[in-house]
Amino acid sequence: MKTLKHSRQRDSIKDFLQSRIDHPTADAVFQAIREESPNISLGTVYRNLNLLVELGEVQKLACGDGKDHFDWNTEPHYHFVCRCCGAVQDVAMDPLTDLETRAEDGVHGQVENHTVYFYGICEDCLEKGKKISS
């Protein structure tokens, strides 16, 4: 197996993701990392994010908005996506461990895992809506 060369840029990207509770896009990661490393390119950020995904150190989320979002938490968990502002949040609930077994009843094959997104309106957007309509 090939040894991976250490990269300060990759460490910065991972540290940035671990400091967040939201799930930023590659562009948002790039903007933040560029503040401390002005010479970093968007391509470098994308390559390192994809490498971190390949290594299993970061999760890539496709939430339906056409942009990949990134999550440092690779443990099984669910996500909520606001249909107003596009914010992505973790859902505070235990994963349904029997869902794969139940799904196998309806497929010809072996289910290995699952991904669940909940869609709705986040608390911030609901608050803004209340203020506007009041």
N, C-alpha and C. Protein backbone atom coordinates (compact mmCIF):
# COMPACT_ATOMS: atom_id res chain seq x y z
N MET A 1 0.84 -1.18 0.00
CA MET A 1 0.00 0.00 0.00
C MET A 1 0.88 1.25 0.00
N LYS A 2 0.50 2.21 -0.79
CA LYS A 2 1.28 3.43 -0.91
C LYS A 2 1.11 4.30 0.33
N THR A 3 2.22 4.85 0.83
CA THR A 3 2.18 5.72 1.99
C THR A 3 1.78 7.12 1.54
N LEU A 4 0.88 7.72 2.27
CA LEU A 4 0.39 9.05 1.94
C LEU A 4 1.30 10.10 2.57
N LYS A 5 1.76 11.01 1.74
CA LYS A 5 2.62 12.09 2.20
C LYS A 5 1.82 13.06 3.08
N HIS A 6 2.43 13.53 4.15
CA HIS A 6 1.77 14.48 5.04
C HIS A 6 1.51 15.79 4.31
N SER A 7 0.37 16.41 4.61
CA SER A 7 0.01 17.66 3.95
C SER A 7 -0.60 18.61 4.98
N ARG A 8 0.03 19.78 5.15
CA ARG A 8 -0.52 20.79 6.06
C ARG A 8 -1.88 21.26 5.56
N GLN A 9 -2.02 21.37 4.24
CA GLN A 9 -3.29 21.82 3.68
C GLN A 9 -4.41 20.84 4.00
N ARG A 10 -4.14 19.54 3.86
CA ARG A 10 -5.14 18.53 4.18
C ARG A 10 -5.48 18.57 5.66
N ASP A 11 -4.46 18.75 6.51
CA ASP A 11 -4.70 18.88 7.95
C ASP A 11 -5.58 20.09 8.24
N SER A 12 -5.32 21.21 7.56
CA SER A 12 -6.13 22.43 7.75
C SER A 12 -7.57 22.21 7.36
N ILE A 13 -7.78 21.50 6.27
CA ILE A 13 -9.14 21.22 5.80
C ILE A 13 -9.87 20.35 6.81
N LYS A 14 -9.20 19.31 7.27
CA LYS A 14 -9.83 18.40 8.25
C LYS A 14 -10.10 19.13 9.56
N ASP A 15 -9.15 19.93 10.04
CA ASP A 15 -9.34 20.70 11.27
C ASP A 15 -10.52 21.66 11.12
N PHE A 16 -10.62 22.30 9.96
CA PHE A 16 -11.74 23.22 9.72
C PHE A 16 -13.07 22.47 9.79
N LEU A 17 -13.16 21.33 9.13
CA LEU A 17 -14.41 20.57 9.15
C LEU A 17 -14.76 20.11 10.56
N GLN A 18 -13.75 19.71 11.34
CA GLN A 18 -14.00 19.24 12.71
C GLN A 18 -14.46 20.37 13.62
N SER A 19 -14.19 21.60 13.23
CA SER A 19 -14.60 22.74 14.06
C SER A 19 -16.02 23.20 13.75
N ARG A 20 -16.68 22.56 12.80
CA ARG A 20 -17.99 23.01 12.34
C ARG A 20 -19.09 22.04 12.75
N ILE A 21 -20.27 22.60 13.02
CA ILE A 21 -21.43 21.73 13.24
C ILE A 21 -22.32 21.72 12.00
N ASP A 22 -22.09 22.66 11.09
CA ASP A 22 -22.81 22.63 9.83
C ASP A 22 -22.04 21.73 8.86
N HIS A 23 -22.45 21.66 7.65
CA HIS A 23 -21.84 20.77 6.67
C HIS A 23 -21.51 21.60 5.44
N PRO A 24 -20.33 22.26 5.46
CA PRO A 24 -20.01 23.22 4.40
C PRO A 24 -19.75 22.57 3.05
N THR A 25 -19.93 23.36 2.00
CA THR A 25 -19.58 22.95 0.65
C THR A 25 -18.07 23.13 0.46
N ALA A 26 -17.55 22.60 -0.64
CA ALA A 26 -16.12 22.77 -0.95
C ALA A 26 -15.79 24.25 -1.10
N ASP A 27 -16.70 25.03 -1.69
CA ASP A 27 -16.46 26.47 -1.84
C ASP A 27 -16.32 27.15 -0.48
N ALA A 28 -17.18 26.78 0.47
CA ALA A 28 -17.11 27.38 1.80
C ALA A 28 -15.81 26.97 2.50
N VAL A 29 -15.40 25.72 2.32
CA VAL A 29 -14.12 25.27 2.90
C VAL A 29 -12.99 26.08 2.28
N PHE A 30 -13.01 26.23 0.96
CA PHE A 30 -11.99 26.99 0.25
C PHE A 30 -11.88 28.42 0.78
N GLN A 31 -13.01 29.10 0.93
CA GLN A 31 -13.01 30.48 1.41
C GLN A 31 -12.39 30.58 2.80
N ALA A 32 -12.72 29.63 3.67
CA ALA A 32 -12.19 29.66 5.04
C ALA A 32 -10.70 29.33 5.07
N ILE A 33 -10.29 28.31 4.34
CA ILE A 33 -8.89 27.88 4.34
C ILE A 33 -8.01 28.94 3.69
N ARG A 34 -8.54 29.63 2.70
CA ARG A 34 -7.77 30.64 1.98
C ARG A 34 -7.36 31.79 2.89
N GLU A 35 -8.13 32.03 3.95
CA GLU A 35 -7.76 33.09 4.90
C GLU A 35 -6.42 32.81 5.57
N GLU A 36 -6.15 31.53 5.88
CA GLU A 36 -4.88 31.19 6.53
C GLU A 36 -3.82 30.74 5.53
N SER A 37 -4.25 30.29 4.36
CA SER A 37 -3.33 29.85 3.29
C SER A 37 -3.75 30.52 1.98
N PRO A 38 -3.37 31.79 1.79
CA PRO A 38 -3.85 32.54 0.62
C PRO A 38 -3.46 31.94 -0.73
N ASN A 39 -2.44 31.10 -0.77
CA ASN A 39 -1.99 30.53 -2.04
C ASN A 39 -2.69 29.22 -2.41
N ILE A 40 -3.57 28.73 -1.56
CA ILE A 40 -4.25 27.47 -1.84
C ILE A 40 -5.26 27.68 -2.98
N SER A 41 -5.40 26.68 -3.83
CA SER A 41 -6.34 26.78 -4.94
C SER A 41 -7.61 25.99 -4.63
N LEU A 42 -8.66 26.32 -5.33
CA LEU A 42 -9.92 25.59 -5.17
C LEU A 42 -9.72 24.13 -5.58
N GLY A 43 -8.93 23.89 -6.62
CA GLY A 43 -8.64 22.52 -7.05
C GLY A 43 -7.96 21.70 -5.97
N THR A 44 -7.04 22.33 -5.24
CA THR A 44 -6.35 21.65 -4.14
C THR A 44 -7.34 21.29 -3.04
N VAL A 45 -8.26 22.19 -2.75
CA VAL A 45 -9.28 21.91 -1.73
C VAL A 45 -10.14 20.73 -2.18
N TYR A 46 -10.60 20.76 -3.42
CA TYR A 46 -11.43 19.65 -3.94
C TYR A 46 -10.65 18.32 -3.89
N ARG A 47 -9.41 18.33 -4.36
CA ARG A 47 -8.62 17.08 -4.35
C ARG A 47 -8.44 16.54 -2.93
N ASN A 48 -8.14 17.42 -1.99
CA ASN A 48 -7.95 16.98 -0.61
C ASN A 48 -9.25 16.53 0.04
N LEU A 49 -10.34 17.20 -0.24
CA LEU A 49 -11.63 16.76 0.30
C LEU A 49 -11.96 15.36 -0.24
N ASN A 50 -11.78 15.16 -1.54
CA ASN A 50 -12.07 13.85 -2.12
C ASN A 50 -11.14 12.77 -1.59
N LEU A 51 -9.88 13.12 -1.35
CA LEU A 51 -8.95 12.16 -0.75
C LEU A 51 -9.39 11.80 0.67
N LEU A 52 -9.80 12.80 1.45
CA LEU A 52 -10.28 12.54 2.81
C LEU A 52 -11.52 11.64 2.79
N VAL A 53 -12.38 11.83 1.79
CA VAL A 53 -13.55 10.95 1.63
C VAL A 53 -13.08 9.53 1.31
N GLU A 54 -12.16 9.39 0.36
CA GLU A 54 -11.62 8.07 0.00
C GLU A 54 -11.01 7.36 1.19
N LEU A 55 -10.32 8.12 2.05
CA LEU A 55 -9.67 7.55 3.23
C LEU A 55 -10.66 7.23 4.34
N GLY A 56 -11.92 7.67 4.18
CA GLY A 56 -12.93 7.42 5.20
C GLY A 56 -12.85 8.37 6.37
N GLU A 57 -12.13 9.49 6.20
CA GLU A 57 -11.97 10.45 7.29
C GLU A 57 -13.02 11.55 7.26
N VAL A 58 -13.73 11.68 6.15
CA VAL A 58 -14.75 12.70 5.95
C VAL A 58 -15.86 12.07 5.13
N GLN A 59 -17.09 12.53 5.34
CA GLN A 59 -18.24 12.08 4.57
C GLN A 59 -18.62 13.12 3.53
N LYS A 60 -18.96 12.69 2.33
CA LYS A 60 -19.49 13.58 1.30
C LYS A 60 -21.00 13.38 1.26
N LEU A 61 -21.74 14.49 1.36
CA LEU A 61 -23.20 14.43 1.36
C LEU A 61 -23.75 15.08 0.09
N ALA A 62 -24.69 14.39 -0.55
CA ALA A 62 -25.41 14.95 -1.69
C ALA A 62 -26.83 15.20 -1.21
N CYS A 63 -27.13 16.44 -0.90
CA CYS A 63 -28.39 16.79 -0.24
C CYS A 63 -29.50 17.22 -1.19
N GLY A 64 -29.23 17.16 -2.48
CA GLY A 64 -30.25 17.51 -3.45
C GLY A 64 -30.18 18.94 -3.95
N ASP A 65 -29.17 19.69 -3.52
CA ASP A 65 -29.05 21.08 -3.98
C ASP A 65 -28.00 21.24 -5.08
N GLY A 66 -27.47 20.12 -5.56
CA GLY A 66 -26.47 20.16 -6.62
C GLY A 66 -25.05 20.41 -6.13
N LYS A 67 -24.87 20.58 -4.83
CA LYS A 67 -23.55 20.83 -4.26
C LYS A 67 -23.21 19.70 -3.29
N ASP A 68 -21.94 19.32 -3.26
CA ASP A 68 -21.51 18.36 -2.25
C ASP A 68 -21.24 19.10 -0.96
N HIS A 69 -21.71 18.54 0.13
CA HIS A 69 -21.44 19.06 1.47
C HIS A 69 -20.54 18.05 2.15
N PHE A 70 -19.75 18.51 3.12
CA PHE A 70 -18.78 17.63 3.77
C PHE A 70 -18.99 17.62 5.27
N ASP A 71 -18.86 16.43 5.85
CA ASP A 71 -19.12 16.20 7.27
C ASP A 71 -17.95 15.40 7.84
N TRP A 72 -17.35 15.89 8.90
CA TRP A 72 -16.23 15.19 9.53
C TRP A 72 -16.70 13.95 10.29
N ASN A 73 -17.97 13.91 10.67
CA ASN A 73 -18.50 12.79 11.44
C ASN A 73 -18.84 11.64 10.49
N THR A 74 -18.04 10.59 10.54
CA THR A 74 -18.25 9.45 9.64
C THR A 74 -19.06 8.33 10.28
N GLU A 75 -19.47 8.52 11.52
CA GLU A 75 -20.34 7.53 12.18
C GLU A 75 -21.73 7.59 11.54
N PRO A 76 -22.45 6.46 11.52
CA PRO A 76 -23.80 6.49 10.94
C PRO A 76 -24.69 7.49 11.67
N HIS A 77 -25.27 8.40 10.92
CA HIS A 77 -26.23 9.36 11.47
C HIS A 77 -27.02 9.98 10.32
N TYR A 78 -28.09 10.67 10.66
CA TYR A 78 -29.00 11.24 9.66
C TYR A 78 -28.83 12.75 9.59
N HIS A 79 -29.36 13.31 8.50
CA HIS A 79 -29.23 14.75 8.26
C HIS A 79 -30.58 15.38 7.94
N PHE A 80 -30.70 16.65 8.33
CA PHE A 80 -31.87 17.48 8.04
C PHE A 80 -31.41 18.59 7.10
N VAL A 81 -32.15 18.80 6.02
CA VAL A 81 -31.82 19.84 5.05
C VAL A 81 -32.97 20.84 5.00
N CYS A 82 -32.64 22.12 5.23
CA CYS A 82 -33.66 23.16 5.17
C CYS A 82 -33.96 23.49 3.71
N ARG A 83 -35.23 23.41 3.32
CA ARG A 83 -35.59 23.68 1.94
C ARG A 83 -35.65 25.18 1.63
N CYS A 84 -35.51 26.02 2.66
CA CYS A 84 -35.48 27.47 2.44
C CYS A 84 -34.06 27.99 2.25
N CYS A 85 -33.19 27.72 3.23
CA CYS A 85 -31.83 28.28 3.19
C CYS A 85 -30.77 27.27 2.76
N GLY A 86 -31.12 25.98 2.72
CA GLY A 86 -30.16 24.95 2.31
C GLY A 86 -29.24 24.46 3.40
N ALA A 87 -29.42 24.94 4.64
CA ALA A 87 -28.57 24.50 5.75
C ALA A 87 -28.72 22.99 5.96
N VAL A 88 -27.63 22.35 6.33
CA VAL A 88 -27.62 20.91 6.59
C VAL A 88 -27.20 20.72 8.04
N GLN A 89 -28.01 19.96 8.78
CA GLN A 89 -27.75 19.72 10.20
C GLN A 89 -27.79 18.22 10.48
N ASP A 90 -27.07 17.81 11.52
CA ASP A 90 -27.21 16.45 12.01
C ASP A 90 -28.54 16.32 12.73
N VAL A 91 -29.16 15.14 12.63
CA VAL A 91 -30.39 14.84 13.35
C VAL A 91 -30.01 14.07 14.60
N ALA A 92 -30.46 14.55 15.75
CA ALA A 92 -30.12 13.92 17.03
C ALA A 92 -31.05 12.73 17.28
N MET A 93 -30.74 11.63 16.60
CA MET A 93 -31.47 10.38 16.83
C MET A 93 -30.56 9.22 16.47
N ASP A 94 -30.78 8.10 17.11
CA ASP A 94 -29.98 6.92 16.81
C ASP A 94 -30.38 6.37 15.45
N PRO A 95 -29.40 5.89 14.67
CA PRO A 95 -29.74 5.28 13.37
C PRO A 95 -30.59 4.03 13.58
N LEU A 96 -31.46 3.79 12.63
CA LEU A 96 -32.32 2.61 12.68
C LEU A 96 -31.50 1.41 12.20
N THR A 97 -31.01 0.63 13.16
CA THR A 97 -30.07 -0.44 12.83
C THR A 97 -30.72 -1.59 12.07
N ASP A 98 -32.02 -1.74 12.15
CA ASP A 98 -32.67 -2.85 11.44
C ASP A 98 -33.15 -2.45 10.04
N LEU A 99 -32.91 -1.21 9.62
CA LEU A 99 -33.42 -0.75 8.34
C LEU A 99 -32.81 -1.53 7.17
N GLU A 100 -31.52 -1.83 7.22
CA GLU A 100 -30.90 -2.60 6.14
C GLU A 100 -31.53 -3.98 6.03
N THR A 101 -31.75 -4.62 7.17
CA THR A 101 -32.36 -5.95 7.18
C THR A 101 -33.77 -5.89 6.59
N ARG A 102 -34.53 -4.90 6.98
CA ARG A 102 -35.90 -4.74 6.47
C ARG A 102 -35.88 -4.44 4.98
N ALA A 103 -34.92 -3.65 4.52
CA ALA A 103 -34.84 -3.31 3.10
C ALA A 103 -34.48 -4.52 2.24
N GLU A 104 -33.71 -5.45 2.79
CA GLU A 104 -33.32 -6.64 2.02
C GLU A 104 -34.52 -7.48 1.62
N ASP A 105 -35.63 -7.34 2.34
CA ASP A 105 -36.84 -8.07 1.96
C ASP A 105 -37.36 -7.60 0.60
N GLY A 106 -37.01 -6.37 0.21
CA GLY A 106 -37.54 -5.82 -1.03
C GLY A 106 -36.53 -5.72 -2.17
N VAL A 107 -35.34 -6.26 -1.98
CA VAL A 107 -34.32 -6.19 -3.04
C VAL A 107 -33.74 -7.58 -3.29
N HIS A 108 -33.16 -7.75 -4.46
CA HIS A 108 -32.45 -9.00 -4.78
C HIS A 108 -30.96 -8.71 -4.59
N GLY A 109 -30.48 -8.86 -3.38
CA GLY A 109 -29.09 -8.58 -3.07
C GLY A 109 -28.91 -8.34 -1.59
N GLN A 110 -27.74 -7.84 -1.25
CA GLN A 110 -27.41 -7.58 0.15
C GLN A 110 -27.28 -6.08 0.38
N VAL A 111 -28.05 -5.55 1.29
CA VAL A 111 -27.98 -4.14 1.65
C VAL A 111 -26.87 -3.98 2.68
N GLU A 112 -25.96 -3.03 2.43
CA GLU A 112 -24.82 -2.84 3.32
C GLU A 112 -24.96 -1.62 4.23
N ASN A 113 -25.62 -0.58 3.76
CA ASN A 113 -25.84 0.61 4.60
C ASN A 113 -26.95 1.45 3.99
N HIS A 114 -27.24 2.57 4.63
CA HIS A 114 -28.28 3.45 4.11
C HIS A 114 -27.97 4.90 4.46
N THR A 115 -28.58 5.79 3.70
CA THR A 115 -28.45 7.22 3.93
C THR A 115 -29.85 7.81 3.98
N VAL A 116 -30.10 8.64 4.99
CA VAL A 116 -31.42 9.25 5.13
C VAL A 116 -31.26 10.76 5.28
N TYR A 117 -32.04 11.49 4.49
CA TYR A 117 -32.12 12.95 4.62
C TYR A 117 -33.56 13.30 4.95
N PHE A 118 -33.73 14.18 5.91
CA PHE A 118 -35.03 14.74 6.22
C PHE A 118 -35.05 16.16 5.67
N TYR A 119 -36.14 16.56 5.07
CA TYR A 119 -36.26 17.88 4.47
C TYR A 119 -37.38 18.65 5.15
N GLY A 120 -37.17 19.94 5.35
CA GLY A 120 -38.17 20.78 5.98
C GLY A 120 -37.66 22.20 6.09
N ILE A 121 -38.09 22.91 7.12
CA ILE A 121 -37.69 24.30 7.33
C ILE A 121 -37.00 24.39 8.68
N CYS A 122 -35.79 24.96 8.69
CA CYS A 122 -35.01 25.05 9.92
C CYS A 122 -35.58 26.11 10.86
N GLU A 123 -35.13 26.05 12.09
CA GLU A 123 -35.62 26.96 13.13
C GLU A 123 -35.38 28.43 12.75
N ASP A 124 -34.19 28.73 12.20
CA ASP A 124 -33.90 30.12 11.81
C ASP A 124 -34.88 30.62 10.75
N CYS A 125 -35.15 29.81 9.74
CA CYS A 125 -36.08 30.22 8.68
C CYS A 125 -37.51 30.35 9.21
N LEU A 126 -37.88 29.44 10.13
CA LEU A 126 -39.21 29.56 10.74
C LEU A 126 -39.33 30.86 11.52
N GLU A 127 -38.28 31.21 12.28
CA GLU A 127 -38.28 32.46 13.04
C GLU A 127 -38.38 33.67 12.12
N LYS A 128 -37.63 33.67 11.05
CA LYS A 128 -37.68 34.77 10.09
C LYS A 128 -39.06 34.88 9.48
N GLY A 129 -39.67 33.76 9.18
CA GLY A 129 -41.03 33.75 8.62
C GLY A 129 -42.04 34.31 9.59
N LYS A 130 -41.88 33.99 10.89
CA LYS A 130 -42.80 34.50 11.90
C LYS A 130 -42.68 36.02 12.02
N LYS A 131 -41.44 36.51 11.97
CA LYS A 131 -41.22 37.95 12.09
C LYS A 131 -41.80 38.70 10.88
N ILE A 132 -41.67 38.08 9.70
CA ILE A 132 -42.18 38.71 8.48
C ILE A 132 -43.70 38.76 8.50
N SER A 133 -44.34 37.65 8.94
CA SER A 133 -45.80 37.59 8.90
C SER A 133 -46.47 38.27 10.09
N SER A 134 -45.71 38.62 11.11
CA SER A 134 -46.30 39.23 12.31
C SER A 134 -46.62 40.69 12.09
